[in-house]
Amino acid sequence: MKTLLIPVDANTTDLALIDFAAAWVTQYKYERVVLLQSLYENVFSTMAMSADYVAVNPHNISDWREEVMWKLNDLAQALQKQLGDNIEVKMAWSEQPLLRAIMWAVKEDNPQLIMLQNKNSDDPISASLIAIAKTSPVRLLVVPAGMAYQPVHKALIPVDFKAFKTLDKMQAFQQAPLWVPDQLIVLNVDPQQHYLQPSPEFNAAVNTVKSYLEQYKYEIEYSSDANIISAILNYADHHQVSLIVALPGKHSFLYSLTHKSISEGIYKAAKLPVMILK
């Protein structure tokens, strides 16, 4: 069963994500959506923030959980109303911390995609975004807060042709795609402009990429911008790109090309959805 997993925090997740998810599910013919809520409480969450760390009344914790579950139900009902009765909307919750809860849900429900809302804030989902992206065995779609769905007509895949040994990760896009964009743009950001006088190795890398994308309509573009993230986002802004695709793990432009963590790439790319392949 083709399944979409959406980890939520019922107190902060807004209906814009529900609208986006409904459109995505309908467009790409999913059969089930799982809304996952973590109910984990750490040791400090049962203490009032005072000099004496006074214990919180257990009834308050119970009331909080009940309120969260009602809000989770509201999200599920809103999604079910948009999808109709032919698509299952399942509520799931776990006593484990969010990351462990997601790994449990991946094993339990076998989703093909995880959808996350990024608010660029300290809400539980946004705060855990990096850890989830690094550890998830399933593809992720990071959706900017408040963004309305638009069909994926043009997807942008930033790559580093200098990292010849990593380009085999392009096969992750070729294998069992969950959606088929009208056009793919492969963008090589190369401040040294190796593409002007390409070496045999550089040409071999280009041919490797082409072999992985034969089934798609694609173009290969180049940029000499010294700021890699800016080059990617500027290209997306000026060429009507509707989705940025990141290659798996440390080979992702969100990781290796910034020479930092993937957090900077994800947060700066917040104007567009980012699909992280696995």
Protein backbone atom coordinates (compact mmCIF):
# COMPACT_ATOMS: atom_id res chain seq x y z
CA MET A 1 0.00 0.00 0.00
CA LYS A 2 1.50 3.31 -1.08
CA THR A 3 1.84 5.25 2.17
CA LEU A 4 2.79 8.79 3.16
CA LEU A 5 4.02 9.35 6.73
CA ILE A 6 3.58 12.83 8.21
CA PRO A 7 5.12 13.42 11.65
CA VAL A 8 3.19 16.27 13.26
CA ASP A 9 3.08 18.27 16.43
CA ALA A 10 -0.62 18.84 16.82
CA ASN A 11 -0.03 22.06 18.76
CA THR A 12 2.03 23.70 15.99
CA THR A 13 1.29 21.94 12.69
CA ASP A 14 -1.01 24.15 10.65
CA LEU A 15 -3.60 23.33 8.02
CA ALA A 16 -1.36 24.53 5.19
CA LEU A 17 0.58 21.26 5.50
CA ILE A 18 -2.68 19.29 5.46
CA ASP A 19 -3.72 21.08 2.26
CA PHE A 20 -0.33 20.42 0.69
CA ALA A 21 -0.42 16.76 1.71
CA ALA A 22 -3.92 16.27 0.33
CA ALA A 23 -2.90 17.66 -3.05
CA TRP A 24 0.32 15.58 -3.12
CA VAL A 25 -1.51 12.38 -2.17
CA THR A 26 -4.15 12.96 -4.84
CA GLN A 27 -1.64 13.87 -7.54
CA TYR A 28 0.66 10.89 -6.94
CA LYS A 29 -2.01 8.36 -6.02
CA TYR A 30 -1.18 7.40 -2.47
CA GLU A 31 -3.51 4.95 -0.76
CA ARG A 32 -2.85 5.78 2.89
CA VAL A 33 -1.61 8.68 5.03
CA VAL A 34 -0.30 8.22 8.57
CA LEU A 35 -0.29 11.23 10.91
CA LEU A 36 2.25 10.53 13.67
CA GLN A 37 2.32 12.31 17.04
CA SER A 38 5.00 11.80 19.68
CA LEU A 39 3.69 12.01 23.24
CA TYR A 40 7.12 11.67 24.80
CA GLU A 41 7.75 13.50 28.07
CA ASN A 42 11.30 14.00 29.30
CA VAL A 43 12.20 14.21 32.96
CA PHE A 44 12.16 18.03 33.01
CA SER A 45 8.77 18.38 31.34
CA THR A 46 7.10 17.14 34.54
CA MET A 47 8.64 19.99 36.55
CA ALA A 48 7.52 23.59 36.71
CA MET A 49 10.30 25.98 35.71
CA SER A 50 10.93 27.55 39.09
CA ALA A 51 13.83 27.71 41.50
CA ASP A 52 12.49 24.65 43.27
CA TYR A 53 11.55 22.64 40.14
CA VAL A 54 8.13 21.90 41.53
CA ALA A 55 6.51 18.78 40.12
CA VAL A 56 3.67 19.38 37.69
CA ASN A 57 0.31 17.97 38.68
CA PRO A 58 -0.25 14.65 36.83
CA HIS A 59 -3.72 15.87 35.91
CA ASN A 60 -2.14 18.73 33.96
CA ILE A 61 -0.09 16.28 31.96
CA SER A 62 -3.19 14.18 31.33
CA ASP A 63 -5.10 17.26 30.20
CA TRP A 64 -2.25 18.23 27.87
CA ARG A 65 -2.24 14.81 26.27
CA GLU A 66 -5.98 14.83 25.84
CA GLU A 67 -5.80 18.24 24.17
CA VAL A 68 -3.03 17.06 21.83
CA MET A 69 -5.03 14.00 20.81
CA TRP A 70 -8.09 16.10 20.07
CA LYS A 71 -5.98 18.38 17.87
CA LEU A 72 -4.46 15.36 16.14
CA ASN A 73 -7.97 14.12 15.46
CA ASP A 74 -8.87 17.53 14.01
CA LEU A 75 -5.91 17.32 11.60
CA ALA A 76 -6.90 13.80 10.57
CA GLN A 77 -10.51 14.80 10.02
CA ALA A 78 -9.50 17.81 7.92
CA LEU A 79 -7.29 15.60 5.76
CA GLN A 80 -9.90 12.86 5.43
CA LYS A 81 -12.49 15.41 4.33
CA GLN A 82 -10.24 16.54 1.48
CA LEU A 83 -9.22 13.04 0.39
CA GLY A 84 -12.58 11.31 0.61
CA ASP A 85 -13.28 7.78 1.79
CA ASN A 86 -11.15 5.96 -0.77
CA ILE A 87 -7.87 6.97 0.90
CA GLU A 88 -7.16 5.85 4.45
CA VAL A 89 -6.08 8.44 6.99
CA LYS A 90 -4.56 6.84 10.06
CA MET A 91 -3.69 8.48 13.38
CA ALA A 92 -0.62 7.06 15.13
CA TRP A 93 1.04 8.08 18.37
CA SER A 94 4.01 6.92 20.38
CA GLU A 95 5.42 7.36 23.87
CA GLN A 96 8.92 7.49 22.37
CA PRO A 97 10.88 10.63 21.44
CA LEU A 98 10.08 11.97 17.98
CA LEU A 99 13.02 10.45 16.10
CA ARG A 100 12.47 7.01 17.61
CA ALA A 101 8.76 7.31 16.98
CA ILE A 102 9.41 7.99 13.30
CA MET A 103 11.75 5.01 13.00
CA TRP A 104 9.07 2.86 14.66
CA ALA A 105 6.42 4.16 12.24
CA VAL A 106 8.68 3.49 9.25
CA LYS A 107 8.98 -0.13 10.35
CA GLU A 108 5.30 -0.42 11.24
CA ASP A 109 3.70 1.28 8.22
CA ASN A 110 6.40 0.98 5.52
CA PRO A 111 5.91 4.46 4.02
CA GLN A 112 7.44 5.39 0.68
CA LEU A 113 7.83 9.04 1.70
CA ILE A 114 7.99 11.14 4.88
CA MET A 115 6.62 14.68 4.67
CA LEU A 116 7.79 17.29 7.18
CA GLN A 117 6.84 20.91 7.74
CA ASN A 118 9.71 23.34 8.26
CA LYS A 119 8.80 26.50 10.14
CA ASN A 120 12.39 27.63 10.71
CA SER A 121 11.57 27.78 14.40
CA ASP A 122 11.99 25.79 17.59
CA ASP A 123 8.78 23.79 17.22
CA PRO A 124 9.37 20.04 17.74
CA ILE A 125 9.28 19.10 14.05
CA SER A 126 11.53 21.90 12.75
CA ALA A 127 13.94 21.43 15.65
CA SER A 128 14.32 17.74 14.81
CA LEU A 129 14.50 18.19 11.04
CA ILE A 130 18.23 17.64 10.72
CA ALA A 131 18.31 14.50 12.83
CA ILE A 132 15.39 13.05 10.91
CA ALA A 133 16.97 13.85 7.55
CA LYS A 134 20.24 12.20 8.54
CA THR A 135 18.80 8.99 10.00
CA SER A 136 15.67 8.24 8.01
CA PRO A 137 15.91 5.26 5.62
CA VAL A 138 12.98 6.73 3.65
CA ARG A 139 12.86 9.69 1.30
CA LEU A 140 11.86 12.98 2.88
CA LEU A 141 9.93 15.92 1.51
CA VAL A 142 10.56 19.09 3.52
CA VAL A 143 7.74 21.59 2.96
CA PRO A 144 8.11 25.26 3.92
CA ALA A 145 5.50 26.47 6.38
CA GLY A 146 2.44 27.97 4.74
CA MET A 147 3.35 26.84 1.24
CA ALA A 148 0.55 25.96 -1.17
CA TYR A 149 0.95 22.90 -3.37
CA GLN A 150 2.00 23.32 -6.97
CA PRO A 151 2.61 20.51 -9.50
CA VAL A 152 6.25 19.55 -9.96
CA HIS A 153 6.81 20.71 -13.51
CA LYS A 154 10.51 21.44 -13.07
CA ALA A 155 12.83 19.88 -10.49
CA LEU A 156 16.38 21.05 -9.76
CA ILE A 157 19.16 18.59 -8.83
CA PRO A 158 22.38 20.29 -7.72
CA VAL A 159 25.45 18.06 -8.16
CA ASP A 160 29.18 18.30 -7.73
CA PHE A 161 30.92 16.96 -10.84
CA LYS A 162 34.25 17.20 -9.04
CA ALA A 163 33.16 14.45 -6.69
CA PHE A 164 33.31 11.83 -9.41
CA LYS A 165 33.03 8.86 -7.05
CA THR A 166 29.74 10.07 -5.61
CA LEU A 167 27.74 10.47 -8.80
CA ASP A 168 26.53 6.88 -8.64
CA LYS A 169 24.10 8.25 -6.04
CA MET A 170 22.15 9.67 -8.99
CA GLN A 171 20.80 6.14 -9.39
CA ALA A 172 18.64 6.83 -6.34
CA PHE A 173 16.63 9.18 -8.52
CA GLN A 174 16.41 6.68 -11.35
CA GLN A 175 15.14 3.82 -9.22
CA ALA A 176 11.36 3.67 -8.62
CA PRO A 177 10.61 7.40 -8.64
CA LEU A 178 7.61 8.43 -6.56
CA TRP A 179 6.73 11.18 -9.03
CA VAL A 180 7.76 12.14 -12.53
CA PRO A 181 8.48 15.84 -13.15
CA ASP A 182 8.04 17.31 -16.61
CA GLN A 183 11.65 18.48 -16.64
CA LEU A 184 14.84 17.98 -14.62
CA ILE A 185 17.61 20.53 -14.33
CA VAL A 186 21.01 19.26 -13.20
CA LEU A 187 22.96 22.23 -11.86
CA ASN A 188 26.72 22.12 -11.38
CA VAL A 189 27.94 25.03 -9.27
CA ASP A 190 31.62 25.36 -10.07
CA PRO A 191 33.38 28.63 -9.18
CA GLN A 192 36.57 27.36 -10.88
CA GLN A 193 34.63 26.85 -14.14
CA HIS A 194 36.04 23.43 -14.94
CA TYR A 195 33.21 23.05 -17.44
CA LEU A 196 34.85 25.60 -19.79
CA GLN A 197 37.84 23.33 -20.38
CA PRO A 198 36.58 19.95 -19.20
CA SER A 199 39.02 17.19 -18.43
CA PRO A 200 38.36 13.59 -19.53
CA GLU A 201 37.22 12.86 -15.97
CA PHE A 202 34.80 15.77 -16.05
CA ASN A 203 33.32 14.60 -19.36
CA ALA A 204 33.02 11.08 -17.96
CA ALA A 205 31.09 12.44 -14.98
CA VAL A 206 28.71 14.32 -17.26
CA ASN A 207 28.10 11.19 -19.32
CA THR A 208 27.43 9.22 -16.14
CA VAL A 209 24.75 11.69 -15.11
CA LYS A 210 23.19 11.55 -18.56
CA SER A 211 23.01 7.76 -18.41
CA TYR A 212 21.05 7.91 -15.17
CA LEU A 213 18.51 10.38 -16.55
CA GLU A 214 17.81 8.92 -19.97
CA GLN A 215 14.15 8.32 -19.14
CA TYR A 216 13.58 12.00 -18.29
CA LYS A 217 13.52 15.27 -20.14
CA TYR A 218 16.54 17.03 -18.65
CA GLU A 219 19.11 19.78 -19.07
CA ILE A 220 22.55 20.25 -17.54
CA GLU A 221 23.35 23.80 -16.48
CA TYR A 222 26.44 25.40 -14.96
CA SER A 223 27.05 28.26 -12.56
CA SER A 224 30.30 29.96 -11.53
CA ASP A 225 28.82 31.60 -8.44
CA ALA A 226 31.22 31.37 -5.51
CA ASN A 227 28.34 31.01 -3.06
CA ILE A 228 26.94 27.58 -3.75
CA ILE A 229 23.68 27.90 -1.80
CA SER A 230 22.95 31.31 -3.34
CA ALA A 231 23.62 29.96 -6.82
CA ILE A 232 21.14 27.15 -6.29
CA LEU A 233 18.42 29.34 -4.85
CA ASN A 234 18.91 32.10 -7.42
CA TYR A 235 18.64 29.60 -10.23
CA ALA A 236 15.46 28.19 -8.72
CA ASP A 237 13.97 31.68 -8.32
CA HIS A 238 14.67 32.73 -11.90
CA HIS A 239 13.74 29.51 -13.71
CA GLN A 240 10.39 28.61 -12.15
CA VAL A 241 11.71 25.57 -10.31
CA SER A 242 9.07 23.96 -8.10
CA LEU A 243 11.19 21.38 -6.22
CA ILE A 244 14.84 20.96 -5.20
CA VAL A 245 16.15 17.39 -5.10
CA ALA A 246 19.01 16.46 -2.77
CA LEU A 247 21.11 13.37 -3.35
CA PRO A 248 21.44 10.91 -0.45
CA GLY A 249 23.45 11.40 2.70
CA LYS A 250 26.76 13.20 2.71
CA HIS A 251 26.68 13.39 -1.08
CA SER A 252 23.78 15.81 -0.95
CA PHE A 253 24.45 19.42 -1.93
CA LEU A 254 22.82 20.21 1.39
CA TYR A 255 25.74 18.54 3.09
CA SER A 256 28.95 18.16 1.10
CA LEU A 257 28.78 21.29 -1.00
CA THR A 258 28.33 23.55 2.01
CA HIS A 259 31.04 21.67 3.94
CA LYS A 260 28.79 22.07 6.96
CA SER A 261 25.71 20.27 8.18
CA ILE A 262 22.66 19.91 5.96
CA SER A 263 20.83 22.35 8.24
CA GLU A 264 22.05 25.45 6.43
CA GLY A 265 20.93 24.12 3.08
CA ILE A 266 17.49 23.07 4.25
CA TYR A 267 16.76 26.27 6.13
CA LYS A 268 18.00 28.57 3.38
CA ALA A 269 16.04 26.63 0.79
CA ALA A 270 12.85 27.21 2.73
CA LYS A 271 11.09 28.96 -0.16
CA LEU A 272 10.77 25.65 -2.01
CA PRO A 273 10.05 22.05 -1.03
CA VAL A 274 13.22 19.96 -0.77
CA MET A 275 13.13 16.24 -1.57
CA ILE A 276 15.97 14.30 0.09
CA LEU A 277 16.58 11.01 -1.70
CA LYS A 278 17.79 7.87 0.03
